[in-house]
Amino acid sequence: MKRFNTTGLCIPEKHYMCDVSKKFARCKYLVEEGYYYAINFPRQFGKTTMQYLLKKEFEKREDYLVISTSFEGIGDLPFESEERFAPAVLETFAKGLFFKQPKLADFLEEAAGNIHSFKELSRFVATWISSVKKKVVLIIDEVDKASNNQVFISFLAILRDKYLAMKSENDLTFHSVILLGVHDVKSLKLKLRPDAERKLNSPWNIAENLEIDFAFSVDEIIPMLKDYADEHNFLMNISEIAQRIFYYTNGNPFLISQMGKIIDENILRENKRPWTVDDVENAYKYIINLGYTTTNFDDMYKNLENNSDLRKVTERIVIEGEIFPFDLGDPVIIKGKTYGILSQNIDGQCDISNKIYEFRILNYLLSKARTSPGEKYTSARFIKNGKLDVLTILKKFQLFMKEHNSSKDNKFLEKNGRLLLMSFLRPIINGKGFLFKENVTAEDRKMDLVITYNDKRYVIELKIWYGEKYLSDGIEQLCDYLDSYGLNEGYMLIYNFNKNKKFETKVVEGISKKITAVFV
């Protein structure tokens, strides 16, 4: 029986998989047409699986020879000089051929002993490929591990130069080359000598654009669930379940498989039965529990820790609600996309790439914040009949702000008002609830804060007091938000920076919804 897999490559015969046929067809086409290209996506996004599928496909064809390998594990010495790296290239090729083509692997390892420069390597490749009389496809995985070495960049330049010469019938080289990694090697700059300026041209500027996303759509998730249901002889509302999985994961391959794995091996381990949407909800609660982590989350936190510019932009999006254009000319936005943290919404703006990451990142930022209120509260005093008593919470927050009013200046509160409220809420709802922001209209506007507690939703709109007209517009907007959720009650937290302000609470009159405004 198959299983859900979240480590290494996924094998169709062994693992439940989303439909990769369109992505595979594009990658296969590029190989057949003799293109050089790169597959650059975040970690655990399906790159190794695609490498496996391509290798398997072209190994079946008599007119192709596939070398699928990586420079990982060859140590540091080969990267010290051209003289060391050139023979290591052939040894690395041999590594990729050892199990399927042992005689060819031996031949390449023997030839490596006579290679001492890129010039000799280039000539050997041309002579060898001429003798093979096949279309040789080179697939190099884990390019990130080697791409920060100058000698590897120079090797890419050799491949580029041979490719261009082949097009003008002045050389022979690989029919197609595929580089797999997180970072886009097209952005790497070539430096020929230690004292030379970096050239403007990338050593990989010949690469064809892949033009596909490795994230999955709802329609691509459905076959995975159908495969599971058929194997277990279950009748399930597959379309509804797929839509809910997509709602939380936004098609992230790792998160889709992880949610499936949690449902199958944790939630339903002792009682196998058809899945329901509630199982997806429980998997979401399981995966966002702060006592649970994965290497995927650890990698995300590491990337935020190691890139302070990305962390600051992410904080401004998550905490302060700022809007940034999804501009891939901006190196910070490129980082966010590269690490799978930022994605583009329908309005061309930056979003956190999925709701699971948004929740984890929010709590990561809150844990680092120094502005958290010192007093901590348990949830019991804010729960009535299993429902979150939001008004009592906001009144308690109002009291906190009143008591600490003198120590918080206006500039601080304008920037950190959301952070303060989130920090205040976090220990109250921890374990049974979560905070998030969500797209709710075609214009992609966001409500400031949505709380889910025991499967019930509560909406809080945060505003700065600019007068009655501005408040009236905010109330109208909040009513629209509530309609989109089918809710009749909402809350507004209003920061008033006037010297004569009143810490008051009032119910807004004359509207169809019950809106309670709390002023701080």
Protein backbone atom coordinates (compact mmCIF):
# COMPACT_ATOMS: atom_id res chain seq x y z
CA MET A 1 0.00 0.00 0.00
CA LYS A 2 1.22 3.49 -0.81
CA ARG A 3 1.99 6.17 1.74
CA PHE A 4 2.37 9.93 1.92
CA ASN A 5 6.01 10.93 1.58
CA THR A 6 7.65 14.18 2.70
CA THR A 7 11.34 13.26 2.50
CA GLY A 8 13.44 12.75 -0.61
CA LEU A 9 11.90 11.92 -3.94
CA CYS A 10 8.36 10.68 -4.47
CA ILE A 11 7.90 7.53 -6.54
CA PRO A 12 4.48 7.09 -8.20
CA GLU A 13 4.41 3.34 -7.47
CA LYS A 14 5.12 3.86 -3.77
CA HIS A 15 3.70 7.23 -2.80
CA TYR A 16 0.46 9.19 -3.06
CA MET A 17 1.28 12.07 -5.39
CA CYS A 18 -0.41 15.10 -6.86
CA ASP A 19 -0.73 15.17 -10.63
CA VAL A 20 2.64 16.26 -12.05
CA SER A 21 1.80 15.48 -15.69
CA LYS A 22 1.69 19.10 -16.93
CA LYS A 23 4.91 20.02 -15.14
CA PHE A 24 6.61 16.87 -16.38
CA ALA A 25 5.42 17.44 -19.96
CA ARG A 26 7.00 20.90 -20.01
CA CYS A 27 10.33 19.66 -18.59
CA LYS A 28 10.38 16.71 -21.01
CA TYR A 29 9.65 18.99 -23.97
CA LEU A 30 12.57 21.24 -23.10
CA VAL A 31 14.90 18.23 -23.01
CA GLU A 32 13.63 16.88 -26.31
CA GLU A 33 14.12 20.27 -27.96
CA GLY A 34 17.70 20.46 -26.68
CA TYR A 35 17.26 23.35 -24.26
CA TYR A 36 19.45 24.14 -21.28
CA TYR A 37 17.38 25.19 -18.28
CA ALA A 38 17.20 25.36 -14.50
CA ILE A 39 14.61 24.07 -12.05
CA ASN A 40 14.75 26.55 -9.17
CA PHE A 41 12.20 26.21 -6.39
CA PRO A 42 12.29 26.20 -2.57
CA ARG A 43 13.43 23.14 -0.70
CA GLN A 44 11.06 20.16 -0.61
CA PHE A 45 9.16 21.52 -3.59
CA GLY A 46 9.48 18.50 -5.89
CA LYS A 47 12.76 19.16 -7.71
CA THR A 48 14.31 15.78 -6.87
CA THR A 49 11.12 13.99 -7.87
CA MET A 50 11.16 15.73 -11.26
CA GLN A 51 14.83 14.77 -11.69
CA TYR A 52 13.90 11.12 -11.03
CA LEU A 53 10.97 11.19 -13.48
CA LEU A 54 13.04 12.76 -16.25
CA LYS A 55 15.88 10.32 -15.71
CA LYS A 56 13.48 7.38 -15.80
CA GLU A 57 11.78 8.66 -18.96
CA PHE A 58 14.91 9.25 -21.05
CA GLU A 59 16.73 6.13 -19.85
CA LYS A 60 14.01 4.17 -21.67
CA ARG A 61 14.94 5.76 -25.01
CA GLU A 62 17.73 4.18 -27.00
CA ASP A 63 18.78 7.47 -28.61
CA TYR A 64 19.42 9.15 -25.24
CA LEU A 65 22.10 8.81 -22.59
CA VAL A 66 21.29 10.37 -19.21
CA ILE A 67 23.89 11.47 -16.67
CA SER A 68 22.08 12.38 -13.45
CA THR A 69 24.47 13.43 -10.73
CA SER A 70 25.53 16.16 -8.30
CA PHE A 71 28.73 17.70 -6.98
CA GLU A 72 27.55 17.14 -3.42
CA GLY A 73 29.90 15.03 -1.36
CA ILE A 74 33.05 15.49 -3.45
CA GLY A 75 34.71 17.52 -0.71
CA ASP A 76 36.39 20.91 -0.84
CA LEU A 77 39.65 20.09 -2.62
CA PRO A 78 38.21 19.95 -6.18
CA PHE A 79 36.94 23.52 -5.80
CA GLU A 80 40.40 24.91 -5.03
CA SER A 81 41.56 25.12 -8.64
CA GLU A 82 40.73 24.39 -12.25
CA GLU A 83 43.38 21.65 -12.29
CA ARG A 84 41.56 19.80 -9.48
CA PHE A 85 38.02 20.49 -10.62
CA ALA A 86 38.34 19.50 -14.31
CA PRO A 87 39.04 15.79 -13.61
CA ALA A 88 36.49 15.84 -10.77
CA VAL A 89 33.84 16.68 -13.36
CA LEU A 90 34.37 13.37 -15.15
CA GLU A 91 34.52 11.52 -11.84
CA THR A 92 31.19 13.10 -10.92
CA PHE A 93 29.71 12.00 -14.26
CA ALA A 94 30.97 8.49 -13.55
CA LYS A 95 29.23 8.56 -10.17
CA GLY A 96 25.92 9.24 -11.92
CA LEU A 97 26.42 6.35 -14.36
CA PHE A 98 27.87 3.71 -12.03
CA PHE A 99 24.76 1.57 -11.43
CA LYS A 100 23.23 1.69 -14.92
CA GLN A 101 26.37 2.04 -17.06
CA PRO A 102 29.31 0.59 -15.05
CA LYS A 103 31.62 0.18 -18.09
CA LEU A 104 31.05 3.76 -19.19
CA ALA A 105 31.59 4.91 -15.60
CA ASP A 106 34.95 3.09 -15.53
CA PHE A 107 35.91 4.68 -18.84
CA LEU A 108 35.18 8.20 -17.56
CA GLU A 109 37.05 7.62 -14.31
CA GLU A 110 40.08 6.41 -16.23
CA ALA A 111 39.87 9.40 -18.60
CA ALA A 112 39.75 11.78 -15.63
CA GLY A 113 43.38 10.96 -14.89
CA ASN A 114 44.42 12.64 -18.14
CA ILE A 115 42.38 15.83 -17.65
CA HIS A 116 44.10 18.81 -16.02
CA SER A 117 42.28 21.87 -17.37
CA PHE A 118 38.94 23.05 -18.67
CA LYS A 119 40.40 23.19 -22.17
CA GLU A 120 41.27 19.50 -21.99
CA LEU A 121 37.88 18.74 -20.45
CA SER A 122 36.07 20.60 -23.24
CA ARG A 123 37.93 18.71 -25.95
CA PHE A 124 37.33 15.37 -24.25
CA VAL A 125 33.59 16.03 -23.99
CA ALA A 126 33.37 16.87 -27.70
CA THR A 127 35.33 13.75 -28.73
CA TRP A 128 33.45 11.47 -26.37
CA ILE A 129 29.98 12.70 -27.37
CA SER A 130 30.89 12.30 -31.02
CA SER A 131 31.72 8.64 -30.34
CA VAL A 132 28.63 7.97 -28.22
CA LYS A 133 26.25 8.90 -31.07
CA LYS A 134 23.45 9.59 -28.64
CA LYS A 135 21.79 12.67 -27.25
CA VAL A 136 23.53 13.09 -23.91
CA VAL A 137 21.42 14.73 -21.21
CA LEU A 138 23.22 16.10 -18.15
CA ILE A 139 21.20 16.67 -14.96
CA ILE A 140 23.04 18.26 -12.03
CA ASP A 141 21.25 18.35 -8.67
CA GLU A 142 22.04 20.43 -5.57
CA VAL A 143 23.70 23.18 -7.60
CA ASP A 144 23.48 25.49 -4.56
CA LYS A 145 26.15 23.43 -2.82
CA ALA A 146 28.66 24.29 -5.55
CA SER A 147 27.48 27.60 -6.96
CA ASN A 148 29.35 29.79 -4.46
CA ASN A 149 32.67 28.46 -5.77
CA GLN A 150 34.41 30.41 -8.51
CA VAL A 151 35.70 27.30 -10.23
CA PHE A 152 32.17 25.91 -10.58
CA ILE A 153 30.97 29.20 -12.07
CA SER A 154 33.77 28.92 -14.61
CA PHE A 155 32.64 25.37 -15.41
CA LEU A 156 29.15 26.70 -16.16
CA ALA A 157 30.75 29.24 -18.47
CA ILE A 158 32.45 26.37 -20.34
CA LEU A 159 29.07 24.67 -20.79
CA ARG A 160 27.60 27.94 -22.04
CA ASP A 161 30.42 28.54 -24.52
CA LYS A 162 30.20 25.00 -25.86
CA TYR A 163 26.43 25.32 -26.23
CA LEU A 164 26.79 28.51 -28.26
CA ALA A 165 29.54 26.96 -30.38
CA MET A 166 27.40 23.87 -30.98
CA LYS A 167 24.59 26.07 -32.31
CA SER A 168 27.00 27.43 -34.93
CA GLU A 169 28.25 23.89 -35.66
CA ASN A 170 31.71 24.57 -34.23
CA ASP A 171 31.60 22.14 -31.31
CA LEU A 172 29.87 19.09 -29.85
CA THR A 173 28.45 19.05 -26.36
CA PHE A 174 25.50 17.90 -24.25
CA HIS A 175 22.12 17.84 -25.97
CA SER A 176 20.39 19.26 -22.88
CA VAL A 177 21.58 20.36 -19.45
CA ILE A 178 19.34 20.77 -16.41
CA LEU A 179 20.49 22.41 -13.18
CA LEU A 180 18.44 21.88 -10.02
CA GLY A 181 18.65 24.03 -6.92
CA VAL A 182 16.99 26.64 -4.75
CA HIS A 183 18.81 29.64 -6.17
CA ASP A 184 18.63 30.69 -9.80
CA VAL A 185 22.11 30.24 -11.27
CA LYS A 186 21.24 32.71 -14.03
CA SER A 187 21.87 35.43 -11.46
CA LEU A 188 25.43 34.29 -10.80
CA LYS A 189 28.23 36.47 -12.13
CA LEU A 190 31.36 35.19 -13.82
CA LYS A 191 34.76 36.24 -12.51
CA LEU A 192 37.68 34.94 -14.55
CA ARG A 193 40.54 36.10 -12.29
CA PRO A 194 40.69 37.05 -8.62
CA ASP A 195 41.46 40.65 -9.55
CA ALA A 196 38.95 40.89 -12.39
CA GLU A 197 35.63 42.71 -12.33
CA ARG A 198 32.54 40.58 -12.41
CA LYS A 199 31.12 40.33 -15.91
CA LEU A 200 27.57 41.47 -16.49
CA ASN A 201 26.71 38.27 -18.34
CA SER A 202 25.75 35.28 -16.25
CA PRO A 203 27.51 32.00 -17.05
CA TRP A 204 23.99 30.55 -17.46
CA ASN A 205 22.26 33.24 -19.51
CA ILE A 206 21.54 30.71 -22.25
CA ALA A 207 18.95 28.96 -20.08
CA GLU A 208 15.38 28.70 -21.31
CA ASN A 209 12.67 29.87 -18.91
CA LEU A 210 10.84 26.97 -17.30
CA GLU A 211 7.53 28.89 -17.28
CA ILE A 212 5.78 26.58 -14.83
CA ASP A 213 5.20 26.65 -11.11
CA PHE A 214 5.82 23.52 -9.06
CA ALA A 215 2.98 24.43 -6.66
CA PHE A 216 -0.18 22.38 -7.20
CA SER A 217 -3.67 23.52 -8.09
CA VAL A 218 -6.86 22.04 -6.64
CA ASP A 219 -7.27 19.98 -9.83
CA GLU A 220 -3.76 18.57 -9.34
CA ILE A 221 -4.44 17.68 -5.70
CA ILE A 222 -7.62 15.76 -6.53
CA PRO A 223 -5.86 12.75 -8.23
CA MET A 224 -3.76 12.19 -5.09
CA LEU A 225 -6.89 12.00 -2.94
CA LYS A 226 -8.67 9.82 -5.50
CA ASP A 227 -5.72 7.41 -5.50
CA TYR A 228 -5.89 7.20 -1.70
CA ALA A 229 -9.67 6.72 -1.68
CA ASP A 230 -9.58 4.03 -4.38
CA GLU A 231 -6.81 2.11 -2.63
CA HIS A 232 -8.78 2.10 0.63
CA ASN A 233 -12.15 1.67 -1.07
CA PHE A 234 -13.42 4.89 0.54
CA LEU A 235 -16.16 7.21 -0.68
CA MET A 236 -15.02 10.78 0.06
CA ASN A 237 -15.98 14.29 -1.02
CA ILE A 238 -12.64 14.59 -2.79
CA SER A 239 -13.24 17.97 -4.41
CA GLU A 240 -14.23 19.63 -1.13
CA ILE A 241 -11.28 18.11 0.72
CA ALA A 242 -8.85 19.16 -2.03
CA GLN A 243 -10.15 22.73 -1.92
CA ARG A 244 -9.68 22.91 1.85
CA ILE A 245 -6.13 21.50 1.62
CA PHE A 246 -5.33 24.11 -1.05
CA TYR A 247 -6.89 26.82 1.13
CA TYR A 248 -4.28 26.21 3.83
CA THR A 249 -1.27 25.21 1.70
CA ASN A 250 -1.71 27.32 -1.45
CA GLY A 251 -0.39 24.30 -3.36
CA ASN A 252 2.93 23.93 -1.50
CA PRO A 253 3.99 20.32 -2.36
CA PHE A 254 5.57 19.57 1.01
CA LEU A 255 2.64 20.93 3.02
CA ILE A 256 0.09 19.03 0.91
CA SER A 257 1.87 15.74 1.54
CA GLN A 258 2.47 16.62 5.19
CA MET A 259 -1.23 17.28 5.79
CA GLY A 260 -2.10 14.00 4.09
CA LYS A 261 0.49 12.19 6.18
CA ILE A 262 -0.85 13.72 9.41
CA ILE A 263 -4.43 12.72 8.59
CA ASP A 264 -3.54 9.18 7.56
CA GLU A 265 -0.86 8.36 10.13
CA ASN A 266 -1.83 10.48 13.12
CA ILE A 267 -5.45 11.58 13.15
CA LEU A 268 -6.87 8.35 11.65
CA ARG A 269 -4.10 5.94 12.58
CA GLU A 270 -6.31 3.83 14.87
CA ASN A 271 -9.55 4.28 12.94
CA LYS A 272 -9.20 4.21 9.17
CA ARG A 273 -12.26 5.74 7.51
CA PRO A 274 -13.12 8.16 4.70
CA TRP A 275 -11.70 11.63 5.19
CA THR A 276 -13.83 14.69 5.87
CA VAL A 277 -13.14 18.42 5.74
CA ASP A 278 -12.94 18.33 9.55
CA ASP A 279 -9.92 16.03 9.22
CA VAL A 280 -8.19 18.71 7.15
CA GLU A 281 -9.06 21.29 9.81
CA ASN A 282 -7.58 19.05 12.49
CA ALA A 283 -4.46 18.49 10.37
CA TYR A 284 -4.09 22.26 10.09
CA LYS A 285 -4.32 22.61 13.88
CA TYR A 286 -1.78 19.80 14.25
CA ILE A 287 0.74 21.34 11.86
CA ILE A 288 0.54 24.87 13.29
CA ASN A 289 0.87 23.71 16.88
CA LEU A 290 3.97 25.47 18.16
CA GLY A 291 5.10 22.26 19.85
CA TYR A 292 5.38 20.65 16.42
CA THR A 293 8.05 21.40 13.84
CA THR A 294 9.61 20.02 10.67
CA THR A 295 12.89 20.56 8.85
CA ASN A 296 10.83 22.61 6.40
CA PHE A 297 9.81 25.07 9.12
CA ASP A 298 13.32 25.05 10.57
CA ASP A 299 14.67 26.00 7.15
CA MET A 300 12.15 28.84 6.87
CA TYR A 301 13.14 30.23 10.29
CA LYS A 302 16.81 29.92 9.36
CA ASN A 303 16.29 31.92 6.18
CA LEU A 304 14.54 34.67 8.14
CA GLU A 305 17.29 34.70 10.76
CA ASN A 306 20.06 34.84 8.16
CA ASN A 307 18.44 37.54 6.02
CA SER A 308 17.52 40.53 8.17
CA ASP A 309 16.27 42.51 5.15
CA LEU A 310 13.80 39.75 4.28
CA ARG A 311 12.77 39.39 7.93
CA LYS A 312 11.99 43.12 8.15
CA VAL A 313 9.90 43.11 4.97
CA THR A 314 8.08 39.98 6.16
CA GLU A 315 7.36 41.64 9.51
CA ARG A 316 6.00 44.73 7.79
CA ILE A 317 3.65 42.52 5.75
CA VAL A 318 2.51 40.25 8.58
CA ILE A 319 2.44 42.65 11.52
CA GLU A 320 2.00 46.11 10.05
CA GLY A 321 -0.15 45.13 7.07
CA GLU A 322 2.04 46.97 4.55
CA ILE A 323 1.66 46.33 0.83
CA PHE A 324 4.67 45.63 -1.39
CA PRO A 325 4.58 45.05 -5.14
CA PHE A 326 5.79 41.59 -6.13
CA ASP A 327 8.74 43.08 -7.98
CA LEU A 328 11.35 40.50 -8.95
CA GLY A 329 13.72 43.33 -9.69
CA ASP A 330 13.90 43.86 -5.94
CA PRO A 331 16.58 41.58 -4.41
CA VAL A 332 14.65 41.25 -1.13
CA ILE A 333 11.48 40.12 -2.89
CA ILE A 334 13.57 37.67 -4.94
CA LYS A 335 14.88 36.21 -1.67
CA GLY A 336 11.34 35.84 -0.36
CA LYS A 337 10.26 34.00 -3.50
CA THR A 338 13.43 31.87 -3.59
CA TYR A 339 12.86 30.60 -0.06
CA GLY A 340 9.13 30.06 -0.58
CA ILE A 341 8.17 32.72 1.96
CA LEU A 342 6.62 35.32 -0.38
CA SER A 343 4.27 34.78 -3.31
CA GLN A 344 2.32 36.98 -5.69
CA ASN A 345 -1.40 37.58 -5.19
CA ILE A 346 -3.95 38.37 -7.88
CA ASP A 347 -3.22 42.10 -7.60
CA GLY A 348 0.52 41.65 -8.17
CA GLN A 349 1.36 42.26 -4.51
CA CYS A 350 3.38 40.26 -1.99
CA ASP A 351 1.65 37.77 0.26
CA ILE A 352 3.03 35.23 2.68
CA SER A 353 2.94 32.16 0.49
CA ASN A 354 0.35 30.17 2.46
CA LYS A 355 -1.68 30.28 5.66
CA ILE A 356 0.47 27.71 7.45
CA TYR A 357 3.63 29.74 6.88
CA GLU A 358 1.80 32.94 7.82
CA PHE A 359 0.78 31.50 11.17
CA ARG A 360 4.24 30.09 11.89
CA ILE A 361 5.96 33.32 10.83
CA LEU A 362 3.59 35.44 12.90
CA ASN A 363 4.41 33.45 16.01
CA TYR A 364 8.10 33.49 15.15
CA LEU A 365 7.98 37.30 14.95
CA LEU A 366 5.96 37.58 18.14
CA SER A 367 8.43 35.38 19.97
CA LYS A 368 11.23 37.74 18.93
CA ALA A 369 9.33 40.91 19.76
CA ARG A 370 10.39 42.91 22.78
CA THR A 371 7.14 44.82 22.88
CA SER A 372 5.03 42.01 24.28
CA PRO A 373 2.95 42.93 27.33
CA GLY A 374 4.56 41.56 30.44
CA GLU A 375 1.37 40.23 32.05
CA LYS A 376 0.24 36.84 30.78
CA TYR A 377 -3.28 35.51 30.94
CA THR A 378 -4.84 32.07 30.79
CA SER A 379 -7.74 31.55 28.44
CA ALA A 380 -10.28 30.41 31.05
CA ARG A 381 -11.39 33.89 32.11
CA PHE A 382 -12.09 34.86 28.49
CA ILE A 383 -14.22 31.84 27.53
CA LYS A 384 -18.01 31.70 27.88
CA ASN A 385 -19.90 28.57 26.85
CA GLY A 386 -17.03 27.48 24.65
CA LYS A 387 -16.91 30.81 22.81
CA LEU A 388 -14.16 33.39 22.92
CA ASP A 389 -15.30 36.52 24.75
CA VAL A 390 -13.59 39.01 22.45
CA LEU A 391 -15.15 42.06 24.08
CA THR A 392 -13.78 41.11 27.51
CA ILE A 393 -10.35 40.57 25.94
CA LEU A 394 -10.42 43.97 24.24
CA LYS A 395 -11.53 45.67 27.44
CA LYS A 396 -8.66 44.02 29.29
CA PHE A 397 -6.31 45.21 26.55
CA GLN A 398 -7.83 48.67 26.87
CA LEU A 399 -7.06 48.62 30.59
CA PHE A 400 -3.51 47.49 29.89
CA MET A 401 -3.03 50.35 27.43
CA LYS A 402 -4.48 52.85 29.88
CA GLU A 403 -2.16 51.72 32.64
CA HIS A 404 0.86 51.91 30.30
CA ASN A 405 -0.23 54.93 28.34
CA SER A 406 2.57 57.20 29.50
CA SER A 407 5.28 54.76 28.46
CA LYS A 408 4.10 54.39 24.88
CA ASP A 409 4.55 57.28 22.48
CA ASN A 410 2.35 57.78 19.42
CA LYS A 411 5.04 56.91 16.90
CA PHE A 412 5.67 53.61 18.65
CA LEU A 413 1.97 52.72 18.73
CA GLU A 414 1.36 53.59 15.09
CA LYS A 415 3.98 51.03 14.10
CA ASN A 416 3.48 48.42 16.81
CA GLY A 417 -0.24 48.58 17.60
CA ARG A 418 -0.99 45.32 15.82
CA LEU A 419 2.02 43.64 17.37
CA LEU A 420 0.92 44.64 20.86
CA LEU A 421 -2.57 43.24 20.36
CA MET A 422 -1.28 40.02 18.80
CA SER A 423 1.18 39.56 21.64
CA PHE A 424 -1.67 40.11 24.09
CA LEU A 425 -3.92 37.58 22.34
CA ARG A 426 -1.36 34.88 21.78
CA PRO A 427 -1.29 33.27 25.27
CA ILE A 428 -5.08 33.51 25.52
CA ILE A 429 -5.92 31.53 22.39
CA ASN A 430 -2.82 29.33 22.31
CA GLY A 431 -3.67 25.67 21.81
CA LYS A 432 -7.31 26.05 20.76
CA GLY A 433 -7.19 28.98 18.38
CA PHE A 434 -5.07 30.86 15.91
CA LEU A 435 -4.67 34.28 14.32
CA PHE A 436 -4.43 35.05 10.64
CA LYS A 437 -5.22 37.56 7.94
CA GLU A 438 -7.08 36.54 4.83
CA ASN A 439 -7.98 37.77 1.35
CA VAL A 440 -11.73 38.32 1.28
CA THR A 441 -12.57 40.43 -1.75
CA ALA A 442 -11.70 40.71 -5.41
CA GLU A 443 -9.65 43.79 -4.55
CA ASP A 444 -7.60 41.58 -2.20
CA ARG A 445 -8.14 43.84 0.79
CA LYS A 446 -7.27 42.32 4.13
CA MET A 447 -9.08 42.52 7.41
CA ASP A 448 -6.63 43.34 10.17
CA LEU A 449 -7.14 40.28 12.32
CA VAL A 450 -9.17 37.09 12.19
CA ILE A 451 -9.27 34.83 15.22
CA THR A 452 -10.45 31.23 14.96
CA TYR A 453 -11.27 29.58 18.28
CA ASN A 454 -13.05 26.22 18.59
CA ASP A 455 -13.94 26.48 14.87
CA LYS A 456 -15.67 29.85 15.37
CA ARG A 457 -14.37 33.02 13.73
CA TYR A 458 -14.06 36.50 15.14
CA VAL A 459 -13.06 39.62 13.21
CA ILE A 460 -11.22 42.60 14.69
CA GLU A 461 -10.55 45.69 12.57
CA LEU A 462 -7.70 47.92 13.79
CA LYS A 463 -7.90 51.65 13.00
CA ILE A 464 -6.21 54.90 13.91
CA TRP A 465 -8.61 57.68 14.87
CA TYR A 466 -8.79 60.33 12.15
CA GLY A 467 -12.34 61.50 12.80
CA GLU A 468 -15.93 60.34 12.42
CA LYS A 469 -15.89 60.16 8.58
CA TYR A 470 -12.90 57.84 8.57
CA LEU A 471 -14.48 55.72 11.29
CA SER A 472 -17.73 55.49 9.31
CA ASP A 473 -15.84 54.21 6.26
CA GLY A 474 -14.09 51.64 8.43
CA ILE A 475 -17.42 50.43 9.85
CA GLU A 476 -18.81 49.99 6.34
CA GLN A 477 -15.73 48.03 5.32
CA LEU A 478 -15.97 45.81 8.40
CA CYS A 479 -19.63 45.08 7.62
CA ASP A 480 -18.58 43.93 4.16
CA TYR A 481 -15.96 41.66 5.75
CA LEU A 482 -18.55 40.17 8.09
CA ASP A 483 -20.92 39.53 5.18
CA SER A 484 -18.19 37.61 3.39
CA TYR A 485 -17.93 35.31 6.41
CA GLY A 486 -21.65 35.12 7.16
CA LEU A 487 -21.08 36.76 10.56
CA ASN A 488 -23.31 39.26 12.33
CA GLU A 489 -20.90 40.58 14.95
CA GLY A 490 -17.50 42.26 14.71
CA TYR A 491 -15.12 44.46 16.66
CA MET A 492 -13.03 47.56 16.09
CA LEU A 493 -9.97 48.52 18.09
CA ILE A 494 -9.27 52.21 17.59
CA TYR A 495 -5.99 53.87 18.53
CA ASN A 496 -6.68 57.51 19.44
CA PHE A 497 -3.60 59.71 19.77
CA ASN A 498 -5.42 62.87 20.87
CA LYS A 499 -4.32 64.25 24.24
CA ASN A 500 -7.90 64.41 25.54
CA LYS A 501 -8.86 60.93 24.35
CA LYS A 502 -11.20 58.72 26.33
CA PHE A 503 -10.67 55.02 26.95
CA GLU A 504 -14.25 54.11 26.09
CA THR A 505 -16.28 51.28 24.57
CA LYS A 506 -19.43 51.75 22.54
CA VAL A 507 -21.75 49.81 20.27
CA VAL A 508 -22.20 51.34 16.83
CA GLU A 509 -25.86 52.22 16.21
CA GLY A 510 -27.94 52.30 13.03
CA ILE A 511 -26.35 49.41 11.11
CA SER A 512 -27.42 45.83 10.40
CA LYS A 513 -24.41 44.29 12.15
CA LYS A 514 -23.42 44.47 15.78
CA ILE A 515 -20.14 46.39 15.82
CA THR A 516 -18.42 47.16 19.11
CA ALA A 517 -15.72 49.83 19.06
CA VAL A 518 -13.05 49.88 21.77
CA PHE A 519 -10.89 53.03 22.01
CA VAL A 520 -7.35 52.94 23.40
